[in-house]
PDB file of all heavy atoms in Angstrom:
ATOM      1  N   CYS A   1       4.435   0.908   8.635  1.00  0.00           N
ATOM      2  CA  CYS A   1       4.412   2.173   7.973  1.00  0.00           C
ATOM      3  C   CYS A   1       3.564   3.108   8.808  1.00  0.00           C
ATOM      4  O   CYS A   1       2.370   2.924   8.881  1.00  0.00           O
ATOM      5  CB  CYS A   1       3.890   2.067   6.559  1.00  0.00           C
ATOM      6  SG  CYS A   1       3.664   3.639   5.707  1.00  0.00           S
ATOM      7  N   ALA A   2       4.196   4.071   9.426  1.00  0.00           N
ATOM      8  CA  ALA A   2       3.499   5.079  10.211  1.00  0.00           C
ATOM      9  C   ALA A   2       3.178   6.272   9.333  1.00  0.00           C
ATOM     10  O   ALA A   2       4.060   6.835   8.712  1.00  0.00           O
ATOM     11  CB  ALA A   2       4.302   5.445  11.394  1.00  0.00           C
ATOM     12  N   ALA A   3       1.876   6.730   9.309  1.00  0.00           N
ATOM     13  CA  ALA A   3       1.452   7.813   8.484  1.00  0.00           C
ATOM     14  C   ALA A   3       1.036   8.993   9.295  1.00  0.00           C
ATOM     15  O   ALA A   3       0.573   8.864  10.401  1.00  0.00           O
ATOM     16  CB  ALA A   3       0.246   7.383   7.602  1.00  0.00           C
ATOM     17  N   SER A   4       1.263  10.154   8.708  1.00  0.00           N
ATOM     18  CA  SER A   4       0.838  11.415   9.370  1.00  0.00           C
ATOM     19  C   SER A   4       0.639  12.490   8.316  1.00  0.00           C
ATOM     20  O   SER A   4       1.175  12.382   7.224  1.00  0.00           O
ATOM     21  CB  SER A   4       1.886  11.891  10.393  1.00  0.00           C
ATOM     22  OG  SER A   4       3.124  12.162   9.815  1.00  0.00           O
ATOM     23  N   GLY A   5      -0.128  13.505   8.643  1.00  0.00           N
ATOM     24  CA  GLY A   5      -0.362  14.655   7.769  1.00  0.00           C
ATOM     25  C   GLY A   5      -1.480  14.538   6.778  1.00  0.00           C
ATOM     26  O   GLY A   5      -1.633  15.424   5.941  1.00  0.00           O
ATOM     27  N   PHE A   6      -2.208  13.440   6.789  1.00  0.00           N
ATOM     28  CA  PHE A   6      -3.375  13.307   5.913  1.00  0.00           C
ATOM     29  C   PHE A   6      -4.433  12.440   6.572  1.00  0.00           C
ATOM     30  O   PHE A   6      -4.141  11.845   7.662  1.00  0.00           O
ATOM     31  CB  PHE A   6      -3.017  12.776   4.560  1.00  0.00           C
ATOM     32  CG  PHE A   6      -2.461  11.388   4.532  1.00  0.00           C
ATOM     33  CD1 PHE A   6      -3.301  10.299   4.228  1.00  0.00           C
ATOM     34  CD2 PHE A   6      -1.144  11.094   4.891  1.00  0.00           C
ATOM     35  CE1 PHE A   6      -2.797   8.972   4.214  1.00  0.00           C
ATOM     36  CE2 PHE A   6      -0.671   9.777   4.949  1.00  0.00           C
ATOM     37  CZ  PHE A   6      -1.493   8.767   4.577  1.00  0.00           C
ATOM     38  N   SER A   7      -5.578  12.306   5.930  1.00  0.00           N
ATOM     39  CA  SER A   7      -6.645  11.520   6.515  1.00  0.00           C
ATOM     40  C   SER A   7      -6.403  10.040   6.224  1.00  0.00           C
ATOM     41  O   SER A   7      -6.882   9.519   5.245  1.00  0.00           O
ATOM     42  CB  SER A   7      -7.965  11.981   5.979  1.00  0.00           C
ATOM     43  OG  SER A   7      -9.021  11.219   6.564  1.00  0.00           O
ATOM     44  N   PHE A   8      -5.729   9.410   7.173  1.00  0.00           N
ATOM     45  CA  PHE A   8      -5.302   8.005   6.969  1.00  0.00           C
ATOM     46  C   PHE A   8      -6.559   7.105   6.827  1.00  0.00           C
ATOM     47  O   PHE A   8      -6.581   6.174   6.060  1.00  0.00           O
ATOM     48  CB  PHE A   8      -4.474   7.544   8.115  1.00  0.00           C
ATOM     49  CG  PHE A   8      -3.975   6.169   8.083  1.00  0.00           C
ATOM     50  CD1 PHE A   8      -2.891   5.818   7.327  1.00  0.00           C
ATOM     51  CD2 PHE A   8      -4.638   5.179   8.773  1.00  0.00           C
ATOM     52  CE1 PHE A   8      -2.414   4.512   7.283  1.00  0.00           C
ATOM     53  CE2 PHE A   8      -4.206   3.832   8.696  1.00  0.00           C
ATOM     54  CZ  PHE A   8      -3.094   3.538   7.881  1.00  0.00           C
ATOM     55  N   ASN A   9      -7.581   7.374   7.621  1.00  0.00           N
ATOM     56  CA  ASN A   9      -8.778   6.566   7.698  1.00  0.00           C
ATOM     57  C   ASN A   9      -9.562   6.464   6.322  1.00  0.00           C
ATOM     58  O   ASN A   9     -10.285   5.481   6.162  1.00  0.00           O
ATOM     59  CB  ASN A   9      -9.743   7.044   8.718  1.00  0.00           C
ATOM     60  CG  ASN A   9      -9.218   6.880  10.134  1.00  0.00           C
ATOM     61  OD1 ASN A   9      -8.033   6.926  10.381  1.00  0.00           O
ATOM     62  ND2 ASN A   9     -10.169   6.720  11.085  1.00  0.00           N
ATOM     63  N   THR A  10      -9.340   7.427   5.449  1.00  0.00           N
ATOM     64  CA  THR A  10     -10.051   7.392   4.169  1.00  0.00           C
ATOM     65  C   THR A  10      -9.127   7.072   3.005  1.00  0.00           C
ATOM     66  O   THR A  10      -9.513   7.133   1.851  1.00  0.00           O
ATOM     67  CB  THR A  10     -10.673   8.744   3.873  1.00  0.00           C
ATOM     68  OG1 THR A  10      -9.717   9.798   3.819  1.00  0.00           O
ATOM     69  CG2 THR A  10     -11.692   9.069   4.980  1.00  0.00           C
ATOM     70  N   ALA A  11      -7.902   6.582   3.264  1.00  0.00           N
ATOM     71  CA  ALA A  11      -6.905   6.359   2.237  1.00  0.00           C
ATOM     72  C   ALA A  11      -6.630   4.864   2.154  1.00  0.00           C
ATOM     73  O   ALA A  11      -6.420   4.174   3.184  1.00  0.00           O
ATOM     74  CB  ALA A  11      -5.611   7.088   2.521  1.00  0.00           C
ATOM     75  N   ALA A  12      -6.637   4.381   0.937  1.00  0.00           N
ATOM     76  CA  ALA A  12      -6.184   3.037   0.651  1.00  0.00           C
ATOM     77  C   ALA A  12      -4.650   2.982   0.778  1.00  0.00           C
ATOM     78  O   ALA A  12      -3.988   3.983   0.429  1.00  0.00           O
ATOM     79  CB  ALA A  12      -6.644   2.551  -0.700  1.00  0.00           C
ATOM     80  N   MET A  13      -4.147   1.899   1.229  1.00  0.00           N
ATOM     81  CA  MET A  13      -2.683   1.790   1.446  1.00  0.00           C
ATOM     82  C   MET A  13      -2.155   0.562   0.669  1.00  0.00           C
ATOM     83  O   MET A  13      -2.829  -0.474   0.592  1.00  0.00           O
ATOM     84  CB  MET A  13      -2.335   1.705   2.944  1.00  0.00           C
ATOM     85  CG  MET A  13      -2.868   2.820   3.800  1.00  0.00           C
ATOM     86  SD  MET A  13      -2.026   4.400   3.361  1.00  0.00           S
ATOM     87  CE  MET A  13      -0.313   4.024   3.907  1.00  0.00           C
ATOM     88  N   SER A  14      -0.917   0.673   0.235  1.00  0.00           N
ATOM     89  CA  SER A  14      -0.280  -0.475  -0.479  1.00  0.00           C
ATOM     90  C   SER A  14       1.207  -0.542  -0.066  1.00  0.00           C
ATOM     91  O   SER A  14       1.755   0.432   0.388  1.00  0.00           O
ATOM     92  CB  SER A  14      -0.396  -0.372  -1.976  1.00  0.00           C
ATOM     93  OG  SER A  14      -1.722  -0.599  -2.407  1.00  0.00           O
ATOM     94  N   TRP A  15       1.736  -1.697  -0.246  1.00  0.00           N
ATOM     95  CA  TRP A  15       3.139  -1.955  -0.188  1.00  0.00           C
ATOM     96  C   TRP A  15       3.666  -2.262  -1.570  1.00  0.00           C
ATOM     97  O   TRP A  15       3.104  -3.095  -2.290  1.00  0.00           O
ATOM     98  CB  TRP A  15       3.489  -3.111   0.768  1.00  0.00           C
ATOM     99  CG  TRP A  15       3.340  -2.718   2.232  1.00  0.00           C
ATOM    100  CD1 TRP A  15       2.273  -2.972   2.984  1.00  0.00           C
ATOM    101  CD2 TRP A  15       4.327  -2.170   3.061  1.00  0.00           C
ATOM    102  NE1 TRP A  15       2.467  -2.525   4.274  1.00  0.00           N
ATOM    103  CE2 TRP A  15       3.731  -1.994   4.330  1.00  0.00           C
ATOM    104  CE3 TRP A  15       5.613  -1.695   2.866  1.00  0.00           C
ATOM    105  CZ2 TRP A  15       4.444  -1.474   5.428  1.00  0.00           C
ATOM    106  CZ3 TRP A  15       6.322  -1.166   3.953  1.00  0.00           C
ATOM    107  CH2 TRP A  15       5.736  -1.034   5.206  1.00  0.00           C
ATOM    108  N   PHE A  16       4.735  -1.627  -1.963  1.00  0.00           N
ATOM    109  CA  PHE A  16       5.433  -1.918  -3.216  1.00  0.00           C
ATOM    110  C   PHE A  16       6.867  -2.323  -2.883  1.00  0.00           C
ATOM    111  O   PHE A  16       7.338  -2.083  -1.795  1.00  0.00           O
ATOM    112  CB  PHE A  16       5.479  -0.679  -4.122  1.00  0.00           C
ATOM    113  CG  PHE A  16       4.155  -0.305  -4.771  1.00  0.00           C
ATOM    114  CD1 PHE A  16       3.173   0.359  -4.009  1.00  0.00           C
ATOM    115  CD2 PHE A  16       3.897  -0.660  -6.089  1.00  0.00           C
ATOM    116  CE1 PHE A  16       1.989   0.701  -4.631  1.00  0.00           C
ATOM    117  CE2 PHE A  16       2.707  -0.287  -6.670  1.00  0.00           C
ATOM    118  CZ  PHE A  16       1.740   0.373  -5.923  1.00  0.00           C
ATOM    119  N   ARG A  17       7.520  -2.928  -3.805  1.00  0.00           N
ATOM    120  CA  ARG A  17       8.943  -3.223  -3.614  1.00  0.00           C
ATOM    121  C   ARG A  17       9.669  -3.067  -4.933  1.00  0.00           C
ATOM    122  O   ARG A  17       9.086  -3.117  -6.035  1.00  0.00           O
ATOM    123  CB  ARG A  17       9.126  -4.671  -3.106  1.00  0.00           C
ATOM    124  CG  ARG A  17       8.767  -5.739  -4.101  1.00  0.00           C
ATOM    125  CD  ARG A  17       8.927  -7.119  -3.421  1.00  0.00           C
ATOM    126  NE  ARG A  17       8.608  -8.230  -4.347  1.00  0.00           N
ATOM    127  CZ  ARG A  17       8.594  -9.492  -3.993  1.00  0.00           C
ATOM    128  NH1 ARG A  17       8.731  -9.817  -2.723  1.00  0.00           N
ATOM    129  NH2 ARG A  17       8.311 -10.467  -4.935  1.00  0.00           N
ATOM    130  N   GLN A  18      10.976  -2.775  -4.844  1.00  0.00           N
ATOM    131  CA  GLN A  18      11.801  -2.586  -5.986  1.00  0.00           C
ATOM    132  C   GLN A  18      13.216  -3.024  -5.717  1.00  0.00           C
ATOM    133  O   GLN A  18      13.878  -2.634  -4.788  1.00  0.00           O
ATOM    134  CB  GLN A  18      11.821  -1.082  -6.359  1.00  0.00           C
ATOM    135  CG  GLN A  18      12.520  -0.804  -7.669  1.00  0.00           C
ATOM    136  CD  GLN A  18      12.325   0.609  -8.160  1.00  0.00           C
ATOM    137  OE1 GLN A  18      12.038   1.528  -7.364  1.00  0.00           O
ATOM    138  NE2 GLN A  18      12.418   0.841  -9.467  1.00  0.00           N
ATOM    139  N   ALA A  19      13.675  -3.996  -6.527  1.00  0.00           N
ATOM    140  CA  ALA A  19      15.021  -4.467  -6.484  1.00  0.00           C
ATOM    141  C   ALA A  19      15.845  -3.702  -7.532  1.00  0.00           C
ATOM    142  O   ALA A  19      15.315  -3.173  -8.479  1.00  0.00           O
ATOM    143  CB  ALA A  19      15.074  -5.954  -6.767  1.00  0.00           C
ATOM    144  N   PRO A  20      17.164  -3.582  -7.326  1.00  0.00           N
ATOM    145  CA  PRO A  20      18.006  -2.854  -8.257  1.00  0.00           C
ATOM    146  C   PRO A  20      17.856  -3.322  -9.692  1.00  0.00           C
ATOM    147  O   PRO A  20      17.884  -4.520  -9.908  1.00  0.00           O
ATOM    148  CB  PRO A  20      19.405  -3.106  -7.737  1.00  0.00           C
ATOM    149  CG  PRO A  20      19.212  -3.315  -6.313  1.00  0.00           C
ATOM    150  CD  PRO A  20      17.937  -4.088  -6.188  1.00  0.00           C
ATOM    151  N   GLY A  21      17.614  -2.437 -10.610  1.00  0.00           N
ATOM    152  CA  GLY A  21      17.432  -2.732 -12.042  1.00  0.00           C
ATOM    153  C   GLY A  21      16.062  -3.216 -12.425  1.00  0.00           C
ATOM    154  O   GLY A  21      15.780  -3.403 -13.554  1.00  0.00           O
ATOM    155  N   ASN A  22      15.154  -3.323 -11.432  1.00  0.00           N
ATOM    156  CA  ASN A  22      13.769  -3.820 -11.703  1.00  0.00           C
ATOM    157  C   ASN A  22      12.844  -2.672 -11.543  1.00  0.00           C
ATOM    158  O   ASN A  22      13.039  -1.639 -10.913  1.00  0.00           O
ATOM    159  CB  ASN A  22      13.445  -4.930 -10.758  1.00  0.00           C
ATOM    160  CG  ASN A  22      14.196  -6.238 -11.013  1.00  0.00           C
ATOM    161  OD1 ASN A  22      14.867  -6.306 -12.024  1.00  0.00           O
ATOM    162  ND2 ASN A  22      14.122  -7.139 -10.047  1.00  0.00           N
ATOM    163  N   GLU A  23      11.621  -2.854 -12.114  1.00  0.00           N
ATOM    164  CA  GLU A  23      10.552  -1.916 -11.952  1.00  0.00           C
ATOM    165  C   GLU A  23       9.945  -2.044 -10.550  1.00  0.00           C
ATOM    166  O   GLU A  23       9.991  -3.164  -9.927  1.00  0.00           O
ATOM    167  CB  GLU A  23       9.504  -2.022 -13.007  1.00  0.00           C
ATOM    168  CG  GLU A  23       9.917  -1.661 -14.398  1.00  0.00           C
ATOM    169  CD  GLU A  23       8.818  -1.647 -15.427  1.00  0.00           C
ATOM    170  OE1 GLU A  23       7.724  -2.165 -15.084  1.00  0.00           O
ATOM    171  OE2 GLU A  23       9.013  -1.180 -16.509  1.00  0.00           O
ATOM    172  N   ARG A  24       9.319  -1.027 -10.059  1.00  0.00           N
ATOM    173  CA  ARG A  24       8.598  -1.086  -8.831  1.00  0.00           C
ATOM    174  C   ARG A  24       7.316  -1.942  -9.050  1.00  0.00           C
ATOM    175  O   ARG A  24       6.539  -1.698  -9.971  1.00  0.00           O
ATOM    176  CB  ARG A  24       8.211   0.327  -8.321  1.00  0.00           C
ATOM    177  CG  ARG A  24       7.693   0.373  -6.904  1.00  0.00           C
ATOM    178  CD  ARG A  24       7.704   1.776  -6.406  1.00  0.00           C
ATOM    179  NE  ARG A  24       9.063   2.367  -6.336  1.00  0.00           N
ATOM    180  CZ  ARG A  24       9.382   3.548  -5.834  1.00  0.00           C
ATOM    181  NH1 ARG A  24       8.405   4.302  -5.298  1.00  0.00           N
ATOM    182  NH2 ARG A  24      10.635   3.964  -5.852  1.00  0.00           N
ATOM    183  N   GLU A  25       7.095  -2.887  -8.134  1.00  0.00           N
ATOM    184  CA  GLU A  25       6.000  -3.779  -8.259  1.00  0.00           C
ATOM    185  C   GLU A  25       5.098  -3.805  -7.007  1.00  0.00           C
ATOM    186  O   GLU A  25       5.635  -3.653  -5.909  1.00  0.00           O
ATOM    187  CB  GLU A  25       6.400  -5.212  -8.548  1.00  0.00           C
ATOM    188  CG  GLU A  25       7.229  -5.861  -7.417  1.00  0.00           C
ATOM    189  CD  GLU A  25       7.489  -7.354  -7.655  1.00  0.00           C
ATOM    190  OE1 GLU A  25       6.559  -8.008  -8.248  1.00  0.00           O
ATOM    191  OE2 GLU A  25       8.542  -7.789  -7.205  1.00  0.00           O
ATOM    192  N   GLY A  26       3.832  -3.895  -7.188  1.00  0.00           N
ATOM    193  CA  GLY A  26       2.902  -3.905  -6.122  1.00  0.00           C
ATOM    194  C   GLY A  26       2.974  -5.228  -5.379  1.00  0.00           C
ATOM    195  O   GLY A  26       3.070  -6.283  -6.026  1.00  0.00           O
ATOM    196  N   VAL A  27       2.966  -5.194  -4.071  1.00  0.00           N
ATOM    197  CA  VAL A  27       3.026  -6.369  -3.249  1.00  0.00           C
ATOM    198  C   VAL A  27       1.695  -6.681  -2.578  1.00  0.00           C
ATOM    199  O   VAL A  27       1.232  -7.858  -2.653  1.00  0.00           O
ATOM    200  CB  VAL A  27       4.124  -6.253  -2.144  1.00  0.00           C
ATOM    201  CG1 VAL A  27       4.175  -7.455  -1.268  1.00  0.00           C
ATOM    202  CG2 VAL A  27       5.516  -6.040  -2.826  1.00  0.00           C
ATOM    203  N   ALA A  28       1.074  -5.716  -2.012  1.00  0.00           N
ATOM    204  CA  ALA A  28      -0.172  -5.926  -1.264  1.00  0.00           C
ATOM    205  C   ALA A  28      -0.921  -4.612  -1.178  1.00  0.00           C
ATOM    206  O   ALA A  28      -0.321  -3.537  -1.167  1.00  0.00           O
ATOM    207  CB  ALA A  28       0.095  -6.459   0.050  1.00  0.00           C
ATOM    208  N   TYR A  29      -2.217  -4.702  -1.051  1.00  0.00           N
ATOM    209  CA  TYR A  29      -3.098  -3.583  -1.025  1.00  0.00           C
ATOM    210  C   TYR A  29      -4.134  -3.787   0.063  1.00  0.00           C
ATOM    211  O   TYR A  29      -4.587  -4.908   0.270  1.00  0.00           O
ATOM    212  CB  TYR A  29      -3.840  -3.392  -2.372  1.00  0.00           C
ATOM    213  CG  TYR A  29      -5.067  -2.497  -2.388  1.00  0.00           C
ATOM    214  CD1 TYR A  29      -4.949  -1.163  -2.715  1.00  0.00           C
ATOM    215  CD2 TYR A  29      -6.335  -2.994  -2.043  1.00  0.00           C
ATOM    216  CE1 TYR A  29      -6.068  -0.332  -2.744  1.00  0.00           C
ATOM    217  CE2 TYR A  29      -7.467  -2.194  -2.087  1.00  0.00           C
ATOM    218  CZ  TYR A  29      -7.313  -0.892  -2.431  1.00  0.00           C
ATOM    219  OH  TYR A  29      -8.415  -0.010  -2.456  1.00  0.00           O
ATOM    220  N   ILE A  30      -4.550  -2.722   0.710  1.00  0.00           N
ATOM    221  CA  ILE A  30      -5.629  -2.807   1.659  1.00  0.00           C
ATOM    222  C   ILE A  30      -6.544  -1.547   1.583  1.00  0.00           C
ATOM    223  O   ILE A  30      -6.028  -0.420   1.435  1.00  0.00           O
ATOM    224  CB  ILE A  30      -5.061  -2.981   3.136  1.00  0.00           C
ATOM    225  CG1 ILE A  30      -6.232  -3.227   4.086  1.00  0.00           C
ATOM    226  CG2 ILE A  30      -4.234  -1.790   3.540  1.00  0.00           C
ATOM    227  CD1 ILE A  30      -5.738  -3.741   5.423  1.00  0.00           C
ATOM    228  N   SER A  31      -7.799  -1.763   1.538  1.00  0.00           N
ATOM    229  CA  SER A  31      -8.731  -0.637   1.391  1.00  0.00           C
ATOM    230  C   SER A  31      -8.759   0.240   2.654  1.00  0.00           C
ATOM    231  O   SER A  31      -8.175  -0.126   3.666  1.00  0.00           O
ATOM    232  CB  SER A  31     -10.106  -1.136   1.105  1.00  0.00           C
ATOM    233  OG  SER A  31     -10.643  -1.960   2.174  1.00  0.00           O
ATOM    234  N   PHE A  32      -9.378   1.380   2.544  1.00  0.00           N
ATOM    235  CA  PHE A  32      -9.403   2.320   3.666  1.00  0.00           C
ATOM    236  C   PHE A  32      -9.955   1.734   4.936  1.00  0.00           C
ATOM    237  O   PHE A  32      -9.470   2.172   6.055  1.00  0.00           O
ATOM    238  CB  PHE A  32     -10.134   3.595   3.265  1.00  0.00           C
ATOM    239  CG  PHE A  32     -11.594   3.414   3.156  1.00  0.00           C
ATOM    240  CD1 PHE A  32     -12.464   3.668   4.244  1.00  0.00           C
ATOM    241  CD2 PHE A  32     -12.172   3.023   1.932  1.00  0.00           C
ATOM    242  CE1 PHE A  32     -13.844   3.507   4.145  1.00  0.00           C
ATOM    243  CE2 PHE A  32     -13.534   2.853   1.841  1.00  0.00           C
ATOM    244  CZ  PHE A  32     -14.424   3.110   2.928  1.00  0.00           C
ATOM    245  N   SER A  33     -10.877   0.862   4.840  1.00  0.00           N
ATOM    246  CA  SER A  33     -11.498   0.288   6.022  1.00  0.00           C
ATOM    247  C   SER A  33     -10.809  -1.004   6.439  1.00  0.00           C
ATOM    248  O   SER A  33     -11.105  -1.478   7.550  1.00  0.00           O
ATOM    249  CB  SER A  33     -12.937  -0.022   5.737  1.00  0.00           C
ATOM    250  OG  SER A  33     -13.107  -1.021   4.728  1.00  0.00           O
ATOM    251  N   GLY A  34      -9.976  -1.573   5.567  1.00  0.00           N
ATOM    252  CA  GLY A  34      -9.364  -2.883   5.859  1.00  0.00           C
ATOM    253  C   GLY A  34     -10.195  -4.029   5.375  1.00  0.00           C
ATOM    254  O   GLY A  34      -9.797  -5.166   5.525  1.00  0.00           O
ATOM    255  N   TYR A  35     -11.371  -3.749   4.784  1.00  0.00           N
ATOM    256  CA  TYR A  35     -12.300  -4.812   4.380  1.00  0.00           C
ATOM    257  C   TYR A  35     -11.715  -5.630   3.216  1.00  0.00           C
ATOM    258  O   TYR A  35     -11.868  -6.841   3.137  1.00  0.00           O
ATOM    259  CB  TYR A  35     -13.659  -4.208   3.998  1.00  0.00           C
ATOM    260  CG  TYR A  35     -14.676  -5.234   3.559  1.00  0.00           C
ATOM    261  CD1 TYR A  35     -15.345  -6.017   4.504  1.00  0.00           C
ATOM    262  CD2 TYR A  35     -14.960  -5.405   2.217  1.00  0.00           C
ATOM    263  CE1 TYR A  35     -16.285  -6.869   4.095  1.00  0.00           C
ATOM    264  CE2 TYR A  35     -15.895  -6.348   1.822  1.00  0.00           C
ATOM    265  CZ  TYR A  35     -16.585  -7.109   2.786  1.00  0.00           C
ATOM    266  OH  TYR A  35     -17.502  -7.996   2.377  1.00  0.00           O
ATOM    267  N   THR A  36     -11.013  -4.915   2.230  1.00  0.00           N
ATOM    268  CA  THR A  36     -10.549  -5.550   1.077  1.00  0.00           C
ATOM    269  C   THR A  36      -9.005  -5.621   1.086  1.00  0.00           C
ATOM    270  O   THR A  36      -8.373  -4.592   1.404  1.00  0.00           O
ATOM    271  CB  THR A  36     -10.992  -4.819  -0.170  1.00  0.00           C
ATOM    272  OG1 THR A  36     -12.443  -4.787  -0.221  1.00  0.00           O
ATOM    273  CG2 THR A  36     -10.491  -5.471  -1.458  1.00  0.00           C
ATOM    274  N   THR A  37      -8.434  -6.773   0.788  1.00  0.00           N
ATOM    275  CA  THR A  37      -7.043  -6.909   0.629  1.00  0.00           C
ATOM    276  C   THR A  37      -6.709  -7.625  -0.672  1.00  0.00           C
ATOM    277  O   THR A  37      -7.479  -8.440  -1.124  1.00  0.00           O
ATOM    278  CB  THR A  37      -6.358  -7.661   1.797  1.00  0.00           C
ATOM    279  OG1 THR A  37      -6.976  -8.974   1.910  1.00  0.00           O
ATOM    280  CG2 THR A  37      -6.580  -6.973   3.121  1.00  0.00           C
ATOM    281  N   VAL A  38      -5.599  -7.248  -1.302  1.00  0.00           N
ATOM    282  CA  VAL A  38      -5.161  -7.820  -2.584  1.00  0.00           C
ATOM    283  C   VAL A  38      -3.667  -8.129  -2.465  1.00  0.00           C
ATOM    284  O   VAL A  38      -2.903  -7.321  -1.900  1.00  0.00           O
ATOM    285  CB  VAL A  38      -5.480  -6.914  -3.808  1.00  0.00           C
ATOM    286  CG1 VAL A  38      -5.124  -7.620  -5.080  1.00  0.00           C
ATOM    287  CG2 VAL A  38      -6.918  -6.439  -3.762  1.00  0.00           C
ATOM    288  N   TYR A  39      -3.252  -9.211  -3.002  1.00  0.00           N
ATOM    289  CA  TYR A  39      -1.827  -9.600  -2.972  1.00  0.00           C
ATOM    290  C   TYR A  39      -1.323  -9.959  -4.364  1.00  0.00           C
ATOM    291  O   TYR A  39      -2.107 -10.426  -5.230  1.00  0.00           O
ATOM    292  CB  TYR A  39      -1.615 -10.783  -2.088  1.00  0.00           C
ATOM    293  CG  TYR A  39      -2.001 -10.606  -0.682  1.00  0.00           C
ATOM    294  CD1 TYR A  39      -3.273 -10.889  -0.180  1.00  0.00           C
ATOM    295  CD2 TYR A  39      -1.135  -9.990   0.240  1.00  0.00           C
ATOM    296  CE1 TYR A  39      -3.605 -10.679   1.068  1.00  0.00           C
ATOM    297  CE2 TYR A  39      -1.494  -9.726   1.545  1.00  0.00           C
ATOM    298  CZ  TYR A  39      -2.744 -10.086   1.956  1.00  0.00           C
ATOM    299  OH  TYR A  39      -3.080  -9.839   3.265  1.00  0.00           O
ATOM    300  N   SER A  40      -0.073  -9.693  -4.610  1.00  0.00           N
ATOM    301  CA  SER A  40       0.521 -10.106  -5.861  1.00  0.00           C
ATOM    302  C   SER A  40       0.730 -11.590  -5.882  1.00  0.00           C
ATOM    303  O   SER A  40       0.746 -12.254  -4.836  1.00  0.00           O
ATOM    304  CB  SER A  40       1.877  -9.373  -6.050  1.00  0.00           C
ATOM    305  OG  SER A  40       2.809  -9.852  -5.139  1.00  0.00           O
TER     306      SER A  40
END
């Protein structure tokens, strides 16, 4: 995921996924520094 137009270094980032007919679910999270990660 390539980001532009905002301060990427100060933003937490996540991956979500959604299958047809399902709700969007969180897959993984990473803090702005990369120090903290969380997984479903």
